[in-house]
């Protein structure tokens, strides 16, 4: 349990889980949610009825990640509950009630990212997730199930699925429930309306008829049916989807090497330095020092292979800064190293990803890490300077930023690669290059015509790859003014503006969850109807009904 104000750590490993049990039996893995009531991340609440907080979800995220890298032989993952007649009661209400607004929003964002990673594993990693609801699944508990490809509910005349947040708490389901019910499970919208306002939920055959679950199973037959469905899913995925025989060995995700100081995070390849007076964090990614000669050597290196190691370190740095440093609102992204080495490492991964499971998983992890940056409510500015290695996957890091400044100097260049054409798609399904040139196919074509060529500042500016390309006389002043102007603006307005600009083009289930749902929940969390002294979150469990301001806004 962390003390109030203590930084949140996202480190986890199966031998230290307090809330989940991970068991692997051949091609089938089982994740059992058995929450330790006294194991809350912070004091002041008990995790009763298999409810969860951020600490529970950190373990789930770790388990999903480890299954992909350490157990590629797994073809189906069963998610079930370890309490009698209770799958999961959802996010802990006492925890939410005592949390700051920032903590509430960050909690919902992380849980959304974890649910998306479950769906990504089912879609791309040949690990189909099946939710086995051994009892009631309420709120966030049902949202865990919704992230799975199949949902089985025990048929015992009492177990139900529900999204009671609107009715009981005056807030929205925080982890994509409303969107997945309609867009993923295709529940008719009037029935979805009834479901989301019925606190007792829906059970039995009605839940199947409405599309809320795939099947209801008598308790006596539950184990048999689950085993059959899991083995069928694993067989369907098969060895071909995993790119290797089922007996293939995974790699170990070794603990990150990280030094934490008051104003600095230091890893092997990533450093984050905080300027508290200026309100900025400078994140520097160092390129590879060696390039393996084959994918076999990549397997030998395992978690030490530069693209994977860098993705893990950058992912951890983003989470720690996002959660523990909410007032550091502007992030400056830099790189240093050899561009050719970056391109060579990326090419090794992308050339092998269709036939090698590890190469595929590394590319997918790079995608997820960049997506986490996309939905982070910080102003992001990339600085392309002498010694930079913005190429391929690292160029996507720059393109994820709100602005890019490139020094007009013969020693400075960036490189577009085939990886920038869609290897790391955004939540809208587009590459960052497509998003940048949305509605301008001619500009996109011009950029894609110069793949693998070092581009000087003038060429990068002409192709629309950078915001500005000042020379060495203007560089310091232009960057300084851009940062100072940014930090002087309203953080609230910037968060809304950036989220609107980053996701141009088509709307997907993912952009709805992070754009529409997250924006509304952010607003609702500050409203007195939810968080005020007489609001639903405050009065929940007190025996007193919430008092609502009936004005519609």
Protein backbone atom coordinates (compact mmCIF):
# COMPACT_ATOMS: atom_id res chain seq x y z
CA UNK A 1 0.00 0.00 0.00
CA UNK A 2 1.42 3.37 -1.04
CA UNK A 3 1.37 6.36 1.26
CA UNK A 4 -0.66 9.40 0.14
CA UNK A 5 1.44 11.44 -2.27
CA UNK A 6 3.88 8.61 -2.89
CA UNK A 7 4.64 8.09 -6.61
CA UNK A 8 2.74 5.27 -8.27
CA UNK A 9 4.88 2.44 -9.65
CA UNK A 10 3.71 0.35 -12.59
CA UNK A 11 6.06 -2.54 -11.82
CA UNK A 12 4.41 -5.94 -11.42
CA UNK A 13 5.21 -9.63 -11.88
CA UNK A 14 3.15 -12.81 -11.36
CA UNK A 15 5.01 -13.90 -8.21
CA UNK A 16 4.06 -10.57 -6.59
CA UNK A 17 0.42 -10.34 -7.72
CA UNK A 18 -1.99 -9.73 -4.87
CA UNK A 19 -5.19 -9.75 -6.87
CA UNK A 20 -4.78 -12.01 -9.90
CA UNK A 21 -3.69 -15.61 -10.40
CA UNK A 22 -2.11 -16.52 -13.73
CA UNK A 23 -2.06 -20.21 -14.64
CA UNK A 24 -0.92 -21.69 -17.96
CA UNK A 25 -2.00 -25.18 -19.01
CA UNK A 26 -0.67 -25.88 -22.48
CA UNK A 27 -2.55 -23.77 -25.00
CA UNK A 28 -4.97 -22.30 -22.43
CA UNK A 29 -4.19 -19.70 -19.77
CA UNK A 30 -6.50 -18.71 -16.92
CA UNK A 31 -6.55 -15.31 -15.25
CA UNK A 32 -8.50 -15.43 -11.99
CA UNK A 33 -9.52 -12.20 -10.28
CA UNK A 34 -9.36 -12.81 -6.51
CA UNK A 35 -8.91 -9.37 -5.00
CA UNK A 36 -7.19 -8.92 -1.65
CA UNK A 37 -9.60 -6.61 0.19
CA UNK A 38 -6.80 -5.06 2.22
CA UNK A 39 -4.52 -4.65 -0.79
CA UNK A 40 -5.65 -1.26 -2.06
CA UNK A 41 -3.01 0.90 -3.69
CA UNK A 42 -3.74 3.68 -1.18
CA UNK A 43 -5.26 3.68 2.33
CA UNK A 44 -8.86 4.63 3.05
CA UNK A 45 -10.88 1.91 1.33
CA UNK A 46 -11.32 -1.85 1.18
CA UNK A 47 -11.60 -3.69 -2.13
CA UNK A 48 -14.77 -5.58 -1.25
CA UNK A 49 -16.80 -7.76 -3.66
CA UNK A 50 -13.85 -8.19 -6.01
CA UNK A 51 -13.84 -4.48 -6.78
CA UNK A 52 -10.66 -2.96 -8.15
CA UNK A 53 -8.43 0.09 -8.07
CA UNK A 54 -5.41 1.12 -10.15
CA UNK A 55 -3.21 -1.44 -8.43
CA UNK A 56 -5.47 -4.30 -9.52
CA UNK A 57 -5.41 -3.05 -13.09
CA UNK A 58 -1.62 -2.63 -13.11
CA UNK A 59 -1.41 -6.37 -12.42
CA UNK A 60 -3.90 -7.15 -15.19
CA UNK A 61 -1.93 -5.06 -17.68
CA UNK A 62 1.24 -6.88 -16.69
CA UNK A 63 -0.42 -10.29 -17.10
CA UNK A 64 -1.72 -9.45 -20.59
CA UNK A 65 1.76 -8.27 -21.60
CA UNK A 66 3.53 -11.31 -20.17
CA UNK A 67 1.17 -13.73 -21.89
CA UNK A 68 2.12 -12.18 -25.23
CA UNK A 69 5.89 -12.27 -24.70
CA UNK A 70 6.49 -15.07 -22.20
CA UNK A 71 3.76 -17.50 -23.32
CA UNK A 72 3.33 -17.26 -27.09
CA UNK A 73 2.17 -20.89 -27.04
CA UNK A 74 -1.11 -19.78 -25.42
CA UNK A 75 -4.03 -19.55 -27.84
CA UNK A 76 -6.89 -18.78 -25.43
CA UNK A 77 -7.12 -16.87 -22.16
CA UNK A 78 -9.97 -17.47 -19.72
CA UNK A 79 -10.76 -14.54 -17.43
CA UNK A 80 -12.87 -15.49 -14.42
CA UNK A 81 -13.54 -14.59 -10.79
CA UNK A 82 -12.19 -16.21 -7.66
CA UNK A 83 -15.00 -15.18 -5.29
CA UNK A 84 -18.19 -17.12 -4.72
CA UNK A 85 -21.02 -15.84 -6.96
CA UNK A 86 -19.15 -12.61 -7.73
CA UNK A 87 -17.06 -12.02 -10.82
CA UNK A 88 -16.30 -8.36 -10.19
CA UNK A 89 -18.19 -5.42 -8.70
CA UNK A 90 -16.22 -2.95 -10.81
CA UNK A 91 -14.16 0.04 -9.79
CA UNK A 92 -14.14 0.59 -6.04
CA UNK A 93 -16.54 3.41 -5.23
CA UNK A 94 -14.82 4.47 -2.00
CA UNK A 95 -11.57 4.76 -3.94
CA UNK A 96 -13.21 6.93 -6.59
CA UNK A 97 -14.97 9.11 -4.02
CA UNK A 98 -11.73 9.97 -2.21
CA UNK A 99 -9.58 10.34 -5.33
CA UNK A 100 -8.65 13.68 -6.82
CA UNK A 101 -10.11 14.60 -10.18
CA UNK A 102 -6.74 13.95 -11.83
CA UNK A 103 -6.49 10.51 -10.23
CA UNK A 104 -10.01 9.59 -11.39
CA UNK A 105 -9.29 10.56 -14.99
CA UNK A 106 -5.88 8.86 -15.09
CA UNK A 107 -7.39 5.71 -13.57
CA UNK A 108 -10.04 5.55 -16.29
CA UNK A 109 -7.47 6.22 -19.01
CA UNK A 110 -5.18 3.42 -17.86
CA UNK A 111 -8.03 0.94 -17.52
CA UNK A 112 -9.16 1.84 -21.03
CA UNK A 113 -5.66 1.22 -22.37
CA UNK A 114 -5.56 -2.15 -20.60
CA UNK A 115 -8.92 -3.22 -22.07
CA UNK A 116 -7.69 -2.17 -25.51
CA UNK A 117 -4.56 -4.29 -25.04
CA UNK A 118 -6.79 -7.31 -24.34
CA UNK A 119 -8.65 -6.72 -27.59
CA UNK A 120 -5.38 -6.18 -29.44
CA UNK A 121 -4.08 -9.52 -28.15
CA UNK A 122 -7.25 -11.27 -29.33
CA UNK A 123 -7.07 -9.62 -32.75
CA UNK A 124 -3.35 -9.71 -33.48
CA UNK A 125 -1.56 -12.15 -31.18
CA UNK A 126 -3.64 -15.29 -31.53
CA UNK A 127 -4.67 -15.17 -27.87
CA UNK A 128 -8.46 -15.10 -27.74
CA UNK A 129 -9.88 -13.83 -24.45
CA UNK A 130 -13.00 -15.45 -22.99
CA UNK A 131 -14.80 -13.95 -20.00
CA UNK A 132 -16.33 -16.56 -17.72
CA UNK A 133 -18.65 -14.76 -15.34
CA UNK A 134 -18.97 -17.10 -12.36
CA UNK A 135 -21.22 -14.53 -10.69
CA UNK A 136 -22.41 -10.95 -11.05
CA UNK A 137 -20.36 -8.57 -13.21
CA UNK A 138 -21.20 -4.96 -12.44
CA UNK A 139 -19.83 -1.74 -13.90
CA UNK A 140 -16.13 -2.06 -14.53
CA UNK A 141 -16.43 -5.79 -13.94
CA UNK A 142 -18.70 -6.09 -16.94
CA UNK A 143 -16.36 -3.77 -18.85
CA UNK A 144 -13.53 -6.28 -18.32
CA UNK A 145 -15.82 -8.89 -19.85
CA UNK A 146 -16.72 -6.61 -22.74
CA UNK A 147 -13.04 -6.45 -23.71
CA UNK A 148 -13.12 -10.21 -24.24
CA UNK A 149 -14.28 -11.87 -27.46
CA UNK A 150 -16.75 -14.21 -25.76
CA UNK A 151 -18.76 -13.75 -22.58
CA UNK A 152 -20.26 -16.71 -20.70
CA UNK A 153 -22.55 -16.03 -17.74
CA UNK A 154 -23.43 -18.61 -15.11
CA UNK A 155 -27.16 -19.37 -15.14
CA UNK A 156 -28.12 -19.45 -11.45
CA UNK A 157 -31.15 -17.12 -11.30
CA UNK A 158 -29.15 -14.42 -9.50
CA UNK A 159 -25.98 -13.56 -11.44
CA UNK A 160 -26.38 -10.57 -13.73
CA UNK A 161 -24.43 -8.14 -15.88
CA UNK A 162 -24.95 -4.44 -15.32
CA UNK A 163 -23.63 -0.94 -15.94
CA UNK A 164 -25.12 0.84 -12.90
CA UNK A 165 -22.97 3.99 -12.98
CA UNK A 166 -25.58 6.33 -14.44
CA UNK A 167 -28.31 5.16 -12.10
CA UNK A 168 -26.33 4.83 -8.87
CA UNK A 169 -23.31 7.13 -9.18
CA UNK A 170 -24.33 9.91 -11.55
CA UNK A 171 -21.31 9.20 -13.78
CA UNK A 172 -20.65 7.15 -16.92
CA UNK A 173 -19.17 3.68 -17.13
CA UNK A 174 -15.51 4.70 -17.25
CA UNK A 175 -13.94 1.97 -19.35
CA UNK A 176 -15.75 1.93 -22.66
CA UNK A 177 -18.88 0.07 -21.56
CA UNK A 178 -21.41 2.26 -23.35
CA UNK A 179 -19.44 2.15 -26.60
CA UNK A 180 -18.67 -1.57 -26.58
CA UNK A 181 -22.28 -2.52 -25.83
CA UNK A 182 -23.49 -0.81 -29.01
CA UNK A 183 -20.47 -0.83 -31.34
CA UNK A 184 -18.91 -4.18 -30.46
CA UNK A 185 -21.79 -6.33 -29.22
CA UNK A 186 -24.36 -4.55 -31.41
CA UNK A 187 -26.99 -4.23 -28.70
CA UNK A 188 -29.98 -2.32 -30.03
CA UNK A 189 -29.73 1.26 -28.82
CA UNK A 190 -33.09 1.38 -27.02
CA UNK A 191 -32.21 -1.80 -25.15
CA UNK A 192 -28.80 -0.33 -24.40
CA UNK A 193 -30.60 2.69 -22.94
CA UNK A 194 -32.71 0.45 -20.69
CA UNK A 195 -29.66 -1.58 -19.69
CA UNK A 196 -27.54 1.47 -18.76
CA UNK A 197 -30.28 2.88 -16.51
CA UNK A 198 -31.29 -0.38 -14.81
CA UNK A 199 -29.02 -0.72 -11.77
CA UNK A 200 -29.94 -4.35 -11.12
CA UNK A 201 -28.81 -5.28 -14.63
CA UNK A 202 -29.93 -8.17 -16.83
CA UNK A 203 -29.48 -11.90 -16.30
CA UNK A 204 -30.19 -15.25 -17.88
CA UNK A 205 -31.73 -15.69 -21.31
CA UNK A 206 -32.61 -12.01 -21.56
CA UNK A 207 -28.92 -11.14 -21.41
CA UNK A 208 -28.33 -13.52 -24.31
CA UNK A 209 -31.30 -12.24 -26.32
CA UNK A 210 -30.18 -8.62 -25.93
CA UNK A 211 -26.61 -9.52 -26.94
CA UNK A 212 -25.04 -8.63 -23.61
CA UNK A 213 -23.50 -12.10 -23.24
CA UNK A 214 -22.95 -14.97 -25.68
CA UNK A 215 -24.37 -17.77 -23.55
CA UNK A 216 -25.66 -18.65 -20.11
CA UNK A 217 -24.43 -21.95 -18.67
CA UNK A 218 -25.64 -23.92 -15.62
CA UNK A 219 -23.06 -23.86 -12.86
CA UNK A 220 -22.72 -27.65 -12.96
CA UNK A 221 -21.64 -27.52 -16.61
CA UNK A 222 -19.60 -24.33 -16.50
CA UNK A 223 -16.13 -25.89 -16.30
CA UNK A 224 -16.90 -28.35 -19.10
CA UNK A 225 -18.28 -25.69 -21.45
CA UNK A 226 -15.45 -23.28 -20.72
CA UNK A 227 -12.79 -25.90 -21.39
CA UNK A 228 -14.42 -26.85 -24.68
CA UNK A 229 -14.72 -23.25 -25.86
CA UNK A 230 -11.18 -22.36 -24.81
CA UNK A 231 -9.67 -25.35 -26.62
CA UNK A 232 -11.72 -24.57 -29.71
CA UNK A 233 -10.50 -20.97 -29.70
CA UNK A 234 -6.90 -22.07 -29.21
CA UNK A 235 -7.16 -24.60 -32.02
CA UNK A 236 -8.68 -21.97 -34.30
CA UNK A 237 -5.79 -19.61 -33.64
CA UNK A 238 -3.37 -22.47 -34.22
CA UNK A 239 0.33 -22.53 -34.77
CA UNK A 240 0.13 -20.62 -38.05
CA UNK A 241 -1.25 -17.51 -36.34
CA UNK A 242 1.51 -17.58 -33.76
CA UNK A 243 4.14 -17.85 -36.47
CA UNK A 244 5.69 -20.91 -34.84
CA UNK A 245 4.90 -24.29 -33.38
CA UNK A 246 2.78 -24.23 -30.20
CA UNK A 247 5.81 -25.45 -28.25
CA UNK A 248 7.75 -22.27 -29.08
CA UNK A 249 9.45 -20.69 -26.07
CA UNK A 250 8.76 -17.14 -25.07
CA UNK A 251 11.22 -14.60 -23.75
CA UNK A 252 11.42 -13.31 -20.21
CA UNK A 253 10.40 -9.71 -19.57
CA UNK A 254 13.19 -8.92 -17.15
CA UNK A 255 12.72 -6.09 -14.61
CA UNK A 256 13.44 -2.64 -15.98
CA UNK A 257 16.67 -1.00 -14.89
CA UNK A 258 15.57 2.41 -13.71
CA UNK A 259 17.03 5.15 -11.54
CA UNK A 260 14.49 7.47 -9.94
CA UNK A 261 15.54 10.90 -8.70
CA UNK A 262 13.34 13.84 -7.69
CA UNK A 263 13.67 15.46 -11.13
CA UNK A 264 14.90 12.62 -13.31
CA UNK A 265 14.05 9.15 -14.56
CA UNK A 266 16.94 7.26 -16.10
CA UNK A 267 16.76 3.95 -17.97
CA UNK A 268 19.22 2.23 -20.31
CA UNK A 269 17.86 3.98 -23.41
CA UNK A 270 15.41 6.61 -22.13
CA UNK A 271 15.93 9.59 -19.85
CA UNK A 272 13.30 12.03 -18.59
CA UNK A 273 14.46 15.26 -16.95
CA UNK A 274 11.99 17.60 -15.27
CA UNK A 275 12.25 21.38 -15.16
CA UNK A 276 9.70 22.23 -12.49
CA UNK A 277 10.12 25.96 -12.78
CA UNK A 278 9.51 25.82 -16.52
CA UNK A 279 6.82 23.14 -16.26
CA UNK A 280 8.53 20.89 -18.80
CA UNK A 281 9.91 17.39 -19.05
CA UNK A 282 12.58 16.54 -21.60
CA UNK A 283 12.39 12.92 -22.75
CA UNK A 284 15.45 11.70 -24.63
CA UNK A 285 15.54 8.35 -26.42
CA UNK A 286 18.98 6.97 -27.26
CA UNK A 287 19.34 4.84 -30.38
CA UNK A 288 20.81 1.31 -30.52
CA UNK A 289 24.47 0.64 -29.86
CA UNK A 290 24.37 -2.68 -31.73
CA UNK A 291 22.26 -4.26 -34.45
CA UNK A 292 21.76 -8.05 -34.39
CA UNK A 293 22.47 -9.83 -37.63
CA UNK A 294 19.39 -12.04 -37.66
CA UNK A 295 16.03 -12.61 -36.03
CA UNK A 296 17.58 -15.63 -34.27
CA UNK A 297 19.93 -13.24 -32.50
CA UNK A 298 16.93 -11.10 -31.55
CA UNK A 299 15.47 -14.11 -29.74
CA UNK A 300 18.78 -14.62 -27.97
CA UNK A 301 18.83 -10.98 -26.85
CA UNK A 302 15.20 -11.15 -25.72
CA UNK A 303 14.10 -8.14 -23.70
CA UNK A 304 17.50 -6.49 -24.25
CA UNK A 305 16.85 -6.02 -28.00
CA UNK A 306 16.77 -2.27 -28.50
CA UNK A 307 13.27 -1.73 -29.99
CA UNK A 308 11.66 -3.87 -27.28
CA UNK A 309 13.77 -2.43 -24.47
CA UNK A 310 13.06 1.11 -25.66
CA UNK A 311 9.33 0.50 -25.96
CA UNK A 312 9.20 -0.86 -22.40
CA UNK A 313 11.22 2.05 -20.99
CA UNK A 314 9.31 4.74 -22.89
CA UNK A 315 6.00 3.14 -21.89
CA UNK A 316 7.01 3.18 -18.22
CA UNK A 317 8.29 6.76 -18.40
CA UNK A 318 5.06 7.98 -20.00
CA UNK A 319 2.95 6.26 -17.32
CA UNK A 320 5.05 7.57 -14.45
CA UNK A 321 5.13 11.14 -15.76
CA UNK A 322 1.45 11.08 -16.65
CA UNK A 323 0.38 9.77 -13.24
CA UNK A 324 2.91 11.27 -10.85
CA UNK A 325 3.67 14.63 -12.51
CA UNK A 326 0.30 16.14 -13.51
CA UNK A 327 1.57 19.74 -13.38
CA UNK A 328 4.40 19.12 -15.85
CA UNK A 329 2.34 19.98 -18.90
CA UNK A 330 4.83 20.25 -21.76
CA UNK A 331 7.05 17.37 -22.86
CA UNK A 332 10.02 17.94 -25.17
CA UNK A 333 11.02 14.81 -27.08
CA UNK A 334 14.60 14.37 -28.27
CA UNK A 335 16.61 11.49 -29.71
CA UNK A 336 20.32 10.79 -29.93
CA UNK A 337 22.23 8.12 -31.81
CA UNK A 338 22.89 6.63 -35.21
CA UNK A 339 20.03 6.86 -37.71
CA UNK A 340 21.25 3.90 -39.75
CA UNK A 341 21.20 1.68 -36.67
CA UNK A 342 17.61 2.68 -35.88
CA UNK A 343 16.55 1.89 -39.45
CA UNK A 344 18.38 -1.46 -39.40
CA UNK A 345 16.75 -2.56 -36.14
CA UNK A 346 13.32 -1.56 -37.37
CA UNK A 347 13.82 -3.34 -40.70
CA UNK A 348 14.80 -6.51 -38.89
CA UNK A 349 11.53 -6.42 -36.95
CA UNK A 350 9.21 -5.47 -39.80
CA UNK A 351 10.70 -7.90 -42.31
CA UNK A 352 10.14 -10.81 -39.92
CA UNK A 353 6.82 -9.87 -38.27
CA UNK A 354 4.66 -11.97 -40.62
CA UNK A 355 6.56 -15.15 -39.86
CA UNK A 356 8.10 -14.67 -36.42
CA UNK A 357 5.96 -14.24 -33.31
CA UNK A 358 8.51 -12.13 -31.40
CA UNK A 359 9.02 -9.69 -34.26
CA UNK A 360 5.25 -9.34 -34.50
CA UNK A 361 4.86 -8.69 -30.78
CA UNK A 362 7.64 -6.09 -30.76
CA UNK A 363 5.94 -4.17 -33.59
CA UNK A 364 2.60 -4.40 -31.78
CA UNK A 365 4.16 -3.16 -28.55
CA UNK A 366 5.71 -0.18 -30.34
CA UNK A 367 2.23 0.57 -31.69
CA UNK A 368 0.67 0.45 -28.21
CA UNK A 369 3.39 2.63 -26.69
CA UNK A 370 2.95 5.31 -29.33
CA UNK A 371 -0.82 5.11 -28.87
CA UNK A 372 -0.35 5.74 -25.15
CA UNK A 373 1.50 8.91 -26.08
CA UNK A 374 -1.31 9.93 -28.45
CA UNK A 375 -3.90 9.95 -25.65
CA UNK A 376 -1.68 11.59 -23.04
CA UNK A 377 -2.93 15.05 -22.09
CA UNK A 378 0.39 16.84 -22.40
CA UNK A 379 1.69 19.25 -25.01
CA UNK A 380 4.25 17.31 -27.03
CA UNK A 381 7.06 19.04 -28.93
CA UNK A 382 9.75 17.19 -30.89
CA UNK A 383 13.18 18.79 -31.30
CA UNK A 384 15.26 17.54 -34.25
CA UNK A 385 18.85 18.64 -33.61
CA UNK A 386 22.45 17.59 -34.36
CA UNK A 387 22.94 14.01 -33.18
CA UNK A 388 19.23 13.17 -33.47
CA UNK A 389 18.10 9.84 -34.91
CA UNK A 390 14.48 10.51 -35.81
CA UNK A 391 13.95 7.68 -38.30
CA UNK A 392 11.25 5.05 -38.73
CA UNK A 393 9.76 4.15 -35.36
CA UNK A 394 11.44 7.19 -33.75
CA UNK A 395 10.15 9.45 -36.51
CA UNK A 396 6.67 8.22 -35.57
CA UNK A 397 7.54 9.42 -32.06
CA UNK A 398 8.10 12.90 -33.52
CA UNK A 399 4.95 12.71 -35.66
CA UNK A 400 2.97 11.87 -32.51
CA UNK A 401 3.88 15.31 -31.19
CA UNK A 402 1.77 18.43 -31.57
CA UNK A 403 4.70 20.30 -33.12
CA UNK A 404 8.10 19.45 -34.58
CA UNK A 405 11.03 21.89 -34.74
CA UNK A 406 14.03 20.94 -36.90
CA UNK A 407 17.32 22.82 -36.96
CA UNK A 408 18.30 23.92 -40.46
CA UNK A 409 21.82 22.50 -40.40
CA UNK A 410 23.62 20.17 -42.84
CA UNK A 411 24.35 17.76 -39.98
CA UNK A 412 20.65 17.30 -39.16
CA UNK A 413 18.37 14.89 -41.03
CA UNK A 414 15.37 12.65 -40.51
CA UNK A 415 14.36 9.49 -42.38
CA UNK A 416 10.97 8.16 -43.43
CA UNK A 417 10.77 4.37 -43.68
CA UNK A 418 8.16 1.80 -44.64
CA UNK A 419 7.37 1.60 -40.91
CA UNK A 420 5.91 5.11 -41.05
CA UNK A 421 3.32 3.96 -43.60
CA UNK A 422 1.22 2.00 -41.13
CA UNK A 423 3.26 -0.33 -38.94
CA UNK A 424 2.21 1.66 -35.86
CA UNK A 425 -1.35 2.84 -36.57
CA UNK A 426 -3.16 5.32 -34.37
CA UNK A 427 -6.50 4.66 -32.71
CA UNK A 428 -8.24 6.06 -35.81
CA UNK A 429 -6.68 3.31 -37.92
CA UNK A 430 -4.44 5.70 -39.83
CA UNK A 431 -0.68 6.04 -39.77
CA UNK A 432 0.60 9.26 -38.23
CA UNK A 433 1.80 10.27 -41.67
CA UNK A 434 -1.72 9.75 -43.08
CA UNK A 435 -3.23 11.69 -40.20
CA UNK A 436 -0.77 14.51 -40.81
CA UNK A 437 -1.73 14.78 -44.49
CA UNK A 438 -5.39 13.83 -44.11
CA UNK A 439 -7.37 15.04 -47.11
CA UNK A 440 -4.20 15.73 -49.13
CA UNK A 441 -3.28 12.52 -50.99
CA UNK A 442 -0.80 14.42 -53.15
CA UNK A 443 1.19 15.49 -50.09
CA UNK A 444 1.11 11.97 -48.70
CA UNK A 445 2.35 10.59 -52.02
CA UNK A 446 5.18 13.13 -52.12
CA UNK A 447 6.32 12.07 -48.65
CA UNK A 448 6.15 8.36 -49.41
CA UNK A 449 8.24 8.86 -52.54
CA UNK A 450 11.34 9.62 -50.46
CA UNK A 451 11.47 6.58 -48.18
CA UNK A 452 14.87 5.74 -46.68
CA UNK A 453 16.39 9.02 -47.86
CA UNK A 454 18.00 11.38 -45.29
CA UNK A 455 15.91 14.54 -45.41
CA UNK A 456 17.43 17.91 -44.59
CA UNK A 457 15.39 20.59 -42.86
CA UNK A 458 14.33 22.31 -46.08
CA UNK A 459 13.09 19.02 -47.58
CA UNK A 460 11.34 18.03 -44.36
CA UNK A 461 9.58 21.40 -44.26
CA UNK A 462 8.62 21.17 -47.95
CA UNK A 463 7.11 17.73 -47.36
CA UNK A 464 5.19 18.96 -44.32
CA UNK A 465 7.03 16.74 -41.86
CA UNK A 466 8.03 19.53 -39.45
CA UNK A 467 6.33 22.62 -38.11
CA UNK A 468 9.29 24.94 -38.53
CA UNK A 469 12.96 24.75 -39.54
CA UNK A 470 14.81 27.70 -37.98
CA UNK A 471 18.52 28.20 -38.56
CA UNK A 472 21.09 28.25 -35.77
CA UNK A 473 20.66 31.99 -35.27
CA UNK A 474 16.94 31.69 -34.52
CA UNK A 475 16.79 28.18 -33.05
CA UNK A 476 17.18 28.92 -29.34
CA UNK A 477 14.75 31.85 -29.36
CA UNK A 478 12.09 30.13 -31.46
CA UNK A 479 12.10 26.98 -29.34
CA UNK A 480 12.16 28.97 -26.10
CA UNK A 481 9.25 31.16 -27.19
CA UNK A 482 7.23 28.16 -28.36
CA UNK A 483 7.67 26.44 -24.99
CA UNK A 484 7.02 29.58 -22.93
CA UNK A 485 3.88 30.38 -24.91
CA UNK A 486 2.63 26.85 -24.48
CA UNK A 487 3.13 26.75 -20.72
CA UNK A 488 1.33 30.11 -20.38
CA UNK A 489 -1.93 28.79 -21.85
CA UNK A 490 -4.81 27.12 -20.00
CA UNK A 491 -4.01 23.42 -19.46
CA UNK A 492 -7.71 22.59 -19.70
CA UNK A 493 -8.12 24.28 -23.07
CA UNK A 494 -4.90 22.72 -24.33
CA UNK A 495 -6.02 19.22 -23.36
CA UNK A 496 -9.26 19.63 -25.30
CA UNK A 497 -7.57 21.26 -28.28
CA UNK A 498 -4.84 18.64 -28.55
CA UNK A 499 -7.26 15.73 -28.31
CA UNK A 500 -9.31 17.21 -31.14
CA UNK A 501 -6.32 17.82 -33.39
CA UNK A 502 -4.59 14.48 -32.86
CA UNK A 503 -7.45 12.28 -34.06
CA UNK A 504 -8.39 13.58 -37.48
CA UNK A 505 -10.29 11.47 -39.96
CA UNK A 506 -12.45 8.40 -39.31
CA UNK A 507 -13.97 7.67 -35.93
CA UNK A 508 -13.47 4.20 -34.49
CA UNK A 509 -14.58 2.49 -31.31
CA UNK A 510 -11.21 3.44 -29.83
CA UNK A 511 -11.44 7.14 -30.71
CA UNK A 512 -14.97 7.22 -29.32
CA UNK A 513 -13.75 5.80 -26.02
CA UNK A 514 -10.77 8.14 -25.68
CA UNK A 515 -12.37 11.17 -27.30
CA UNK A 516 -16.09 11.25 -26.71
CA UNK A 517 -16.38 9.11 -23.57
CA UNK A 518 -13.24 10.40 -21.86
CA UNK A 519 -14.19 14.03 -22.52
CA UNK A 520 -17.68 13.61 -21.09
CA UNK A 521 -16.46 11.64 -18.09
CA UNK A 522 -13.80 14.28 -17.41
CA UNK A 523 -16.53 16.92 -17.29
CA UNK A 524 -19.00 14.83 -15.29
CA UNK A 525 -16.37 14.05 -12.64
CA UNK A 526 -16.19 17.77 -11.78
CA UNK A 527 -19.94 18.36 -11.64
CA UNK A 528 -21.71 18.69 -8.27
CA UNK A 529 -24.28 16.07 -9.31
CA UNK A 530 -21.47 13.53 -9.14
CA UNK A 531 -18.72 14.93 -6.96
CA UNK A 532 -20.38 17.69 -4.94
CA UNK A 533 -21.23 17.39 -1.22
CA UNK A 534 -24.72 16.12 -2.10
CA UNK A 535 -23.68 14.26 -5.24
CA UNK A 536 -23.92 10.57 -6.05
CA UNK A 537 -20.28 9.66 -5.46
CA UNK A 538 -20.26 11.43 -2.11
CA UNK A 539 -23.53 10.00 -0.81
CA UNK A 540 -23.15 6.48 -2.19
CA UNK A 541 -23.60 3.95 0.62
CA UNK A 542 -24.73 6.57 3.13
CA UNK A 543 -28.41 5.75 2.88
CA UNK A 544 -29.14 9.25 1.57
CA UNK A 545 -30.20 9.90 -2.00
CA UNK A 546 -28.17 12.30 -4.08
CA UNK A 547 -29.62 15.73 -4.68
CA UNK A 548 -29.37 16.78 -8.32
CA UNK A 549 -29.31 20.17 -9.94
CA UNK A 550 -31.93 19.46 -12.60
CA UNK A 551 -30.60 22.01 -15.08
CA UNK A 552 -29.62 20.38 -18.38
CA UNK A 553 -26.40 21.83 -19.79
